[in-house]
ModelCIF file with pLDDT and N, C-alpha, C, O atoms, coordinates in Angstrom:
data_MODEL
#
_entry.id   MODEL 
#
_entity.id                         1 
_entity.type                       polymer 
_entity.pdbx_number_of_molecules   1 
#
_entity_poly.entity_id                      1 
_entity_poly.type                           'polypeptide(L)' 
_entity_poly.nstd_linkage                   no 
_entity_poly.nstd_monomer                   no 
_entity_poly.pdbx_seq_one_letter_code       
;(UNK)(UNK)(UNK)(UNK)(UNK)(UNK)(UNK)(UNK)(UNK)(UNK)(UNK)(UNK)(UNK)(UNK)(UNK)(UNK)
(UNK)(UNK)(UNK)(UNK)(UNK)(UNK)(UNK)(UNK)(UNK)(UNK)(UNK)(UNK)(UNK)(UNK)(UNK)
;
_entity_poly.pdbx_seq_one_letter_code_can   XXXXXXXXXXXXXXXXXXXXXXXXXXXXXXX 
_entity_poly.pdbx_strand_id                 A 
#
loop_
_entity_poly_seq.entity_id 
_entity_poly_seq.num 
_entity_poly_seq.mon_id 
_entity_poly_seq.hetero 
1 1  UNK n 
1 2  UNK n 
1 3  UNK n 
1 4  UNK n 
1 5  UNK n 
1 6  UNK n 
1 7  UNK n 
1 8  UNK n 
1 9  UNK n 
1 10 UNK n 
1 11 UNK n 
1 12 UNK n 
1 13 UNK n 
1 14 UNK n 
1 15 UNK n 
1 16 UNK n 
1 17 UNK n 
1 18 UNK n 
1 19 UNK n 
1 20 UNK n 
1 21 UNK n 
1 22 UNK n 
1 23 UNK n 
1 24 UNK n 
1 25 UNK n 
1 26 UNK n 
1 27 UNK n 
1 28 UNK n 
1 29 UNK n 
1 30 UNK n 
1 31 UNK n 
#
_struct_asym.id          A 
_struct_asym.entity_id   1 
#
loop_
_ma_qa_metric.id 
_ma_qa_metric.mode 
_ma_qa_metric.name 
_ma_qa_metric.software_group_id 
_ma_qa_metric.type 
1 global pLDDT . pLDDT 
2 local  pLDDT . pLDDT 
#
_ma_qa_metric_global.metric_id      1 
_ma_qa_metric_global.metric_value   94.06 
_ma_qa_metric_global.model_id       1 
_ma_qa_metric_global.ordinal_id     1 
#
loop_
_ma_qa_metric_local.label_asym_id 
_ma_qa_metric_local.label_comp_id 
_ma_qa_metric_local.label_seq_id 
_ma_qa_metric_local.metric_id 
_ma_qa_metric_local.metric_value 
_ma_qa_metric_local.model_id 
_ma_qa_metric_local.ordinal_id 
A UNK 1  2 92.00 1 1  
A UNK 2  2 95.00 1 2  
A UNK 3  2 95.00 1 3  
A UNK 4  2 96.00 1 4  
A UNK 5  2 96.00 1 5  
A UNK 6  2 96.00 1 6  
A UNK 7  2 96.00 1 7  
A UNK 8  2 96.00 1 8  
A UNK 9  2 96.00 1 9  
A UNK 10 2 96.00 1 10 
A UNK 11 2 96.00 1 11 
A UNK 12 2 96.00 1 12 
A UNK 13 2 96.00 1 13 
A UNK 14 2 94.00 1 14 
A UNK 15 2 95.00 1 15 
A UNK 16 2 95.00 1 16 
A UNK 17 2 94.00 1 17 
A UNK 18 2 92.00 1 18 
A UNK 19 2 94.00 1 19 
A UNK 20 2 93.00 1 20 
A UNK 21 2 92.00 1 21 
A UNK 22 2 92.00 1 22 
A UNK 23 2 93.00 1 23 
A UNK 24 2 92.00 1 24 
A UNK 25 2 89.00 1 25 
A UNK 26 2 87.00 1 26 
A UNK 27 2 92.00 1 27 
A UNK 28 2 94.00 1 28 
A UNK 29 2 95.00 1 29 
A UNK 30 2 95.00 1 30 
A UNK 31 2 96.00 1 31 
#
loop_
_atom_site.group_PDB 
_atom_site.id 
_atom_site.type_symbol 
_atom_site.label_atom_id 
_atom_site.label_alt_id 
_atom_site.label_comp_id 
_atom_site.label_asym_id 
_atom_site.label_entity_id 
_atom_site.label_seq_id 
_atom_site.pdbx_PDB_ins_code 
_atom_site.Cartn_x 
_atom_site.Cartn_y 
_atom_site.Cartn_z 
_atom_site.occupancy 
_atom_site.B_iso_or_equiv 
_atom_site.pdbx_formal_charge 
_atom_site.auth_seq_id 
_atom_site.auth_comp_id 
_atom_site.auth_asym_id 
_atom_site.auth_atom_id 
_atom_site.pdbx_PDB_model_num 
ATOM 1   N N  . UNK A 1 1  ? 150.097 201.194 -61.968 1.00 92.00 ? 1  UNK A N  1 
ATOM 2   C CA . UNK A 1 1  ? 150.245 202.403 -62.765 1.00 92.00 ? 1  UNK A CA 1 
ATOM 3   C C  . UNK A 1 1  ? 151.733 202.707 -62.843 1.00 92.00 ? 1  UNK A C  1 
ATOM 4   O O  . UNK A 1 1  ? 152.417 202.822 -61.826 1.00 92.00 ? 1  UNK A O  1 
ATOM 5   N N  . UNK A 1 2  ? 152.214 202.834 -64.062 1.00 95.00 ? 2  UNK A N  1 
ATOM 6   C CA . UNK A 1 2  ? 153.631 203.086 -64.277 1.00 95.00 ? 2  UNK A CA 1 
ATOM 7   C C  . UNK A 1 2  ? 153.826 204.490 -64.815 1.00 95.00 ? 2  UNK A C  1 
ATOM 8   O O  . UNK A 1 2  ? 152.902 205.111 -65.339 1.00 95.00 ? 2  UNK A O  1 
ATOM 9   N N  . UNK A 1 3  ? 155.045 204.973 -64.674 1.00 95.00 ? 3  UNK A N  1 
ATOM 10  C CA . UNK A 1 3  ? 155.398 206.266 -65.243 1.00 95.00 ? 3  UNK A CA 1 
ATOM 11  C C  . UNK A 1 3  ? 155.675 206.121 -66.730 1.00 95.00 ? 3  UNK A C  1 
ATOM 12  O O  . UNK A 1 3  ? 155.433 205.073 -67.330 1.00 95.00 ? 3  UNK A O  1 
ATOM 13  N N  . UNK A 1 4  ? 156.181 207.185 -67.301 1.00 96.00 ? 4  UNK A N  1 
ATOM 14  C CA . UNK A 1 4  ? 156.439 207.218 -68.740 1.00 96.00 ? 4  UNK A CA 1 
ATOM 15  C C  . UNK A 1 4  ? 157.354 206.077 -69.185 1.00 96.00 ? 4  UNK A C  1 
ATOM 16  O O  . UNK A 1 4  ? 157.029 205.350 -70.124 1.00 96.00 ? 4  UNK A O  1 
ATOM 17  N N  . UNK A 1 5  ? 158.487 205.921 -68.520 1.00 96.00 ? 5  UNK A N  1 
ATOM 18  C CA . UNK A 1 5  ? 159.476 204.940 -68.972 1.00 96.00 ? 5  UNK A CA 1 
ATOM 19  C C  . UNK A 1 5  ? 159.090 203.515 -68.610 1.00 96.00 ? 5  UNK A C  1 
ATOM 20  O O  . UNK A 1 5  ? 159.421 202.584 -69.345 1.00 96.00 ? 5  UNK A O  1 
ATOM 21  N N  . UNK A 1 6  ? 158.399 203.326 -67.499 1.00 96.00 ? 6  UNK A N  1 
ATOM 22  C CA . UNK A 1 6  ? 157.885 202.003 -67.163 1.00 96.00 ? 6  UNK A CA 1 
ATOM 23  C C  . UNK A 1 6  ? 156.851 201.551 -68.178 1.00 96.00 ? 6  UNK A C  1 
ATOM 24  O O  . UNK A 1 6  ? 156.814 200.379 -68.554 1.00 96.00 ? 6  UNK A O  1 
ATOM 25  N N  . UNK A 1 7  ? 156.007 202.481 -68.623 1.00 96.00 ? 7  UNK A N  1 
ATOM 26  C CA . UNK A 1 7  ? 154.995 202.168 -69.624 1.00 96.00 ? 7  UNK A CA 1 
ATOM 27  C C  . UNK A 1 7  ? 155.641 201.856 -70.963 1.00 96.00 ? 7  UNK A C  1 
ATOM 28  O O  . UNK A 1 7  ? 155.237 200.910 -71.639 1.00 96.00 ? 7  UNK A O  1 
ATOM 29  N N  . UNK A 1 8  ? 156.646 202.643 -71.358 1.00 96.00 ? 8  UNK A N  1 
ATOM 30  C CA . UNK A 1 8  ? 157.352 202.376 -72.615 1.00 96.00 ? 8  UNK A CA 1 
ATOM 31  C C  . UNK A 1 8  ? 158.044 201.016 -72.576 1.00 96.00 ? 8  UNK A C  1 
ATOM 32  O O  . UNK A 1 8  ? 158.028 200.272 -73.556 1.00 96.00 ? 8  UNK A O  1 
ATOM 33  N N  . UNK A 1 9  ? 158.652 200.700 -71.432 1.00 96.00 ? 9  UNK A N  1 
ATOM 34  C CA . UNK A 1 9  ? 159.315 199.403 -71.284 1.00 96.00 ? 9  UNK A CA 1 
ATOM 35  C C  . UNK A 1 9  ? 158.295 198.274 -71.349 1.00 96.00 ? 9  UNK A C  1 
ATOM 36  O O  . UNK A 1 9  ? 158.553 197.235 -71.956 1.00 96.00 ? 9  UNK A O  1 
ATOM 37  N N  . UNK A 1 10 ? 157.154 198.473 -70.733 1.00 96.00 ? 10 UNK A N  1 
ATOM 38  C CA . UNK A 1 10 ? 156.083 197.458 -70.744 1.00 96.00 ? 10 UNK A CA 1 
ATOM 39  C C  . UNK A 1 10 ? 155.641 197.168 -72.171 1.00 96.00 ? 10 UNK A C  1 
ATOM 40  O O  . UNK A 1 10 ? 155.525 196.010 -72.573 1.00 96.00 ? 10 UNK A O  1 
ATOM 41  N N  . UNK A 1 11 ? 155.397 198.219 -72.924 1.00 96.00 ? 11 UNK A N  1 
ATOM 42  C CA . UNK A 1 11 ? 154.965 198.055 -74.322 1.00 96.00 ? 11 UNK A CA 1 
ATOM 43  C C  . UNK A 1 11 ? 156.044 197.335 -75.122 1.00 96.00 ? 11 UNK A C  1 
ATOM 44  O O  . UNK A 1 11 ? 155.753 196.391 -75.856 1.00 96.00 ? 11 UNK A O  1 
ATOM 45  N N  . UNK A 1 12 ? 157.289 197.782 -74.979 1.00 96.00 ? 12 UNK A N  1 
ATOM 46  C CA . UNK A 1 12 ? 158.391 197.169 -75.721 1.00 96.00 ? 12 UNK A CA 1 
ATOM 47  C C  . UNK A 1 12 ? 158.544 195.694 -75.367 1.00 96.00 ? 12 UNK A C  1 
ATOM 48  O O  . UNK A 1 12 ? 158.660 194.849 -76.255 1.00 96.00 ? 12 UNK A O  1 
ATOM 49  N N  . UNK A 1 13 ? 158.544 195.384 -74.075 1.00 96.00 ? 13 UNK A N  1 
ATOM 50  C CA . UNK A 1 13 ? 158.726 193.998 -73.650 1.00 96.00 ? 13 UNK A CA 1 
ATOM 51  C C  . UNK A 1 13 ? 157.590 193.102 -74.121 1.00 96.00 ? 13 UNK A C  1 
ATOM 52  O O  . UNK A 1 13 ? 157.832 191.985 -74.578 1.00 96.00 ? 13 UNK A O  1 
ATOM 53  N N  . UNK A 1 14 ? 156.368 193.574 -74.015 1.00 94.00 ? 14 UNK A N  1 
ATOM 54  C CA . UNK A 1 14 ? 155.229 192.740 -74.402 1.00 94.00 ? 14 UNK A CA 1 
ATOM 55  C C  . UNK A 1 14 ? 155.156 192.533 -75.908 1.00 94.00 ? 14 UNK A C  1 
ATOM 56  O O  . UNK A 1 14 ? 154.643 191.512 -76.367 1.00 94.00 ? 14 UNK A O  1 
ATOM 57  N N  . UNK A 1 15 ? 155.663 193.490 -76.685 1.00 95.00 ? 15 UNK A N  1 
ATOM 58  C CA . UNK A 1 15 ? 155.635 193.344 -78.138 1.00 95.00 ? 15 UNK A CA 1 
ATOM 59  C C  . UNK A 1 15 ? 156.850 192.609 -78.680 1.00 95.00 ? 15 UNK A C  1 
ATOM 60  O O  . UNK A 1 15 ? 156.745 191.901 -79.681 1.00 95.00 ? 15 UNK A O  1 
ATOM 61  N N  . UNK A 1 16 ? 158.009 192.768 -78.031 1.00 95.00 ? 16 UNK A N  1 
ATOM 62  C CA . UNK A 1 16 ? 159.242 192.252 -78.611 1.00 95.00 ? 16 UNK A CA 1 
ATOM 63  C C  . UNK A 1 16 ? 159.996 191.239 -77.763 1.00 95.00 ? 16 UNK A C  1 
ATOM 64  O O  . UNK A 1 16 ? 160.748 190.428 -78.303 1.00 95.00 ? 16 UNK A O  1 
ATOM 65  N N  . UNK A 1 17 ? 159.813 191.265 -76.458 1.00 94.00 ? 17 UNK A N  1 
ATOM 66  C CA . UNK A 1 17 ? 160.596 190.404 -75.573 1.00 94.00 ? 17 UNK A CA 1 
ATOM 67  C C  . UNK A 1 17 ? 159.685 189.655 -74.604 1.00 94.00 ? 17 UNK A C  1 
ATOM 68  O O  . UNK A 1 17 ? 159.908 189.685 -73.393 1.00 94.00 ? 17 UNK A O  1 
ATOM 69  N N  . UNK A 1 18 ? 158.674 188.993 -75.123 1.00 92.00 ? 18 UNK A N  1 
ATOM 70  C CA . UNK A 1 18 ? 157.696 188.313 -74.284 1.00 92.00 ? 18 UNK A CA 1 
ATOM 71  C C  . UNK A 1 18 ? 158.342 187.262 -73.398 1.00 92.00 ? 18 UNK A C  1 
ATOM 72  O O  . UNK A 1 18 ? 157.827 186.968 -72.320 1.00 92.00 ? 18 UNK A O  1 
ATOM 73  N N  . UNK A 1 19 ? 159.468 186.685 -73.833 1.00 94.00 ? 19 UNK A N  1 
ATOM 74  C CA . UNK A 1 19 ? 160.133 185.658 -73.019 1.00 94.00 ? 19 UNK A CA 1 
ATOM 75  C C  . UNK A 1 19 ? 160.683 186.269 -71.727 1.00 94.00 ? 19 UNK A C  1 
ATOM 76  O O  . UNK A 1 19 ? 160.722 185.605 -70.691 1.00 94.00 ? 19 UNK A O  1 
ATOM 77  N N  . UNK A 1 20 ? 161.103 187.523 -71.790 1.00 93.00 ? 20 UNK A N  1 
ATOM 78  C CA . UNK A 1 20 ? 161.583 188.198 -70.577 1.00 93.00 ? 20 UNK A CA 1 
ATOM 79  C C  . UNK A 1 20 ? 160.422 188.455 -69.615 1.00 93.00 ? 20 UNK A C  1 
ATOM 80  O O  . UNK A 1 20 ? 160.568 188.324 -68.399 1.00 93.00 ? 20 UNK A O  1 
ATOM 81  N N  . UNK A 1 21 ? 159.265 188.824 -70.177 1.00 92.00 ? 21 UNK A N  1 
ATOM 82  C CA . UNK A 1 21 ? 158.067 189.033 -69.356 1.00 92.00 ? 21 UNK A CA 1 
ATOM 83  C C  . UNK A 1 21 ? 157.701 187.732 -68.645 1.00 92.00 ? 21 UNK A C  1 
ATOM 84  O O  . UNK A 1 21 ? 157.384 187.734 -67.456 1.00 92.00 ? 21 UNK A O  1 
ATOM 85  N N  . UNK A 1 22 ? 157.747 186.633 -69.374 1.00 92.00 ? 22 UNK A N  1 
ATOM 86  C CA . UNK A 1 22 ? 157.421 185.332 -68.786 1.00 92.00 ? 22 UNK A CA 1 
ATOM 87  C C  . UNK A 1 22 ? 158.445 184.946 -67.717 1.00 92.00 ? 22 UNK A C  1 
ATOM 88  O O  . UNK A 1 22 ? 158.086 184.381 -66.684 1.00 92.00 ? 22 UNK A O  1 
ATOM 89  N N  . UNK A 1 23 ? 159.706 185.250 -67.967 1.00 93.00 ? 23 UNK A N  1 
ATOM 90  C CA . UNK A 1 23 ? 160.751 184.911 -67.000 1.00 93.00 ? 23 UNK A CA 1 
ATOM 91  C C  . UNK A 1 23 ? 160.612 185.727 -65.714 1.00 93.00 ? 23 UNK A C  1 
ATOM 92  O O  . UNK A 1 23 ? 160.887 185.224 -64.625 1.00 93.00 ? 23 UNK A O  1 
ATOM 93  N N  . UNK A 1 24 ? 160.185 186.979 -65.841 1.00 92.00 ? 24 UNK A N  1 
ATOM 94  C CA . UNK A 1 24 ? 160.011 187.830 -64.658 1.00 92.00 ? 24 UNK A CA 1 
ATOM 95  C C  . UNK A 1 24 ? 158.842 187.378 -63.802 1.00 92.00 ? 24 UNK A C  1 
ATOM 96  O O  . UNK A 1 24 ? 158.887 187.491 -62.577 1.00 92.00 ? 24 UNK A O  1 
ATOM 97  N N  . UNK A 1 25 ? 157.804 186.870 -64.433 1.00 89.00 ? 25 UNK A N  1 
ATOM 98  C CA . UNK A 1 25 ? 156.647 186.356 -63.706 1.00 89.00 ? 25 UNK A CA 1 
ATOM 99  C C  . UNK A 1 25 ? 156.015 187.387 -62.787 1.00 89.00 ? 25 UNK A C  1 
ATOM 100 O O  . UNK A 1 25 ? 155.616 188.463 -63.233 1.00 89.00 ? 25 UNK A O  1 
ATOM 101 N N  . UNK A 1 26 ? 155.923 187.060 -61.498 1.00 87.00 ? 26 UNK A N  1 
ATOM 102 C CA . UNK A 1 26 ? 155.286 187.954 -60.522 1.00 87.00 ? 26 UNK A CA 1 
ATOM 103 C C  . UNK A 1 26 ? 156.121 189.201 -60.246 1.00 87.00 ? 26 UNK A C  1 
ATOM 104 O O  . UNK A 1 26 ? 155.603 190.181 -59.711 1.00 87.00 ? 26 UNK A O  1 
ATOM 105 N N  . UNK A 1 27 ? 157.408 189.178 -60.603 1.00 92.00 ? 27 UNK A N  1 
ATOM 106 C CA . UNK A 1 27 ? 158.284 190.327 -60.373 1.00 92.00 ? 27 UNK A CA 1 
ATOM 107 C C  . UNK A 1 27 ? 158.158 191.387 -61.467 1.00 92.00 ? 27 UNK A C  1 
ATOM 108 O O  . UNK A 1 27 ? 158.795 192.437 -61.383 1.00 92.00 ? 27 UNK A O  1 
ATOM 109 N N  . UNK A 1 28 ? 157.358 191.128 -62.473 1.00 94.00 ? 28 UNK A N  1 
ATOM 110 C CA . UNK A 1 28 ? 157.210 192.041 -63.613 1.00 94.00 ? 28 UNK A CA 1 
ATOM 111 C C  . UNK A 1 28 ? 156.782 193.449 -63.200 1.00 94.00 ? 28 UNK A C  1 
ATOM 112 O O  . UNK A 1 28 ? 157.416 194.409 -63.638 1.00 94.00 ? 28 UNK A O  1 
ATOM 113 N N  . UNK A 1 29 ? 155.733 193.628 -62.372 1.00 95.00 ? 29 UNK A N  1 
ATOM 114 C CA . UNK A 1 29 ? 155.361 194.995 -61.970 1.00 95.00 ? 29 UNK A CA 1 
ATOM 115 C C  . UNK A 1 29 ? 156.483 195.711 -61.217 1.00 95.00 ? 29 UNK A C  1 
ATOM 116 O O  . UNK A 1 29 ? 156.715 196.900 -61.440 1.00 95.00 ? 29 UNK A O  1 
ATOM 117 N N  . UNK A 1 30 ? 157.171 195.006 -60.338 1.00 95.00 ? 30 UNK A N  1 
ATOM 118 C CA . UNK A 1 30 ? 158.264 195.627 -59.590 1.00 95.00 ? 30 UNK A CA 1 
ATOM 119 C C  . UNK A 1 30 ? 159.407 196.008 -60.523 1.00 95.00 ? 30 UNK A C  1 
ATOM 120 O O  . UNK A 1 30 ? 160.054 197.037 -60.325 1.00 95.00 ? 30 UNK A O  1 
ATOM 121 N N  . UNK A 1 31 ? 159.656 195.195 -61.525 1.00 96.00 ? 31 UNK A N  1 
ATOM 122 C CA . UNK A 1 31 ? 160.687 195.501 -62.519 1.00 96.00 ? 31 UNK A CA 1 
ATOM 123 C C  . UNK A 1 31 ? 160.359 196.814 -63.242 1.00 96.00 ? 31 UNK A C  1 
ATOM 124 O O  . UNK A 1 31 ? 161.111 197.242 -64.117 1.00 96.00 ? 31 UNK A O  1 
#
């Protein structure tokens, strides 16, 4: 469960920067 800005970042990354999500891997939730 993320806060407002973590959720906004999640949406943005998954829609526009999927390569960064893949690079973060297991560290994605902590990021």
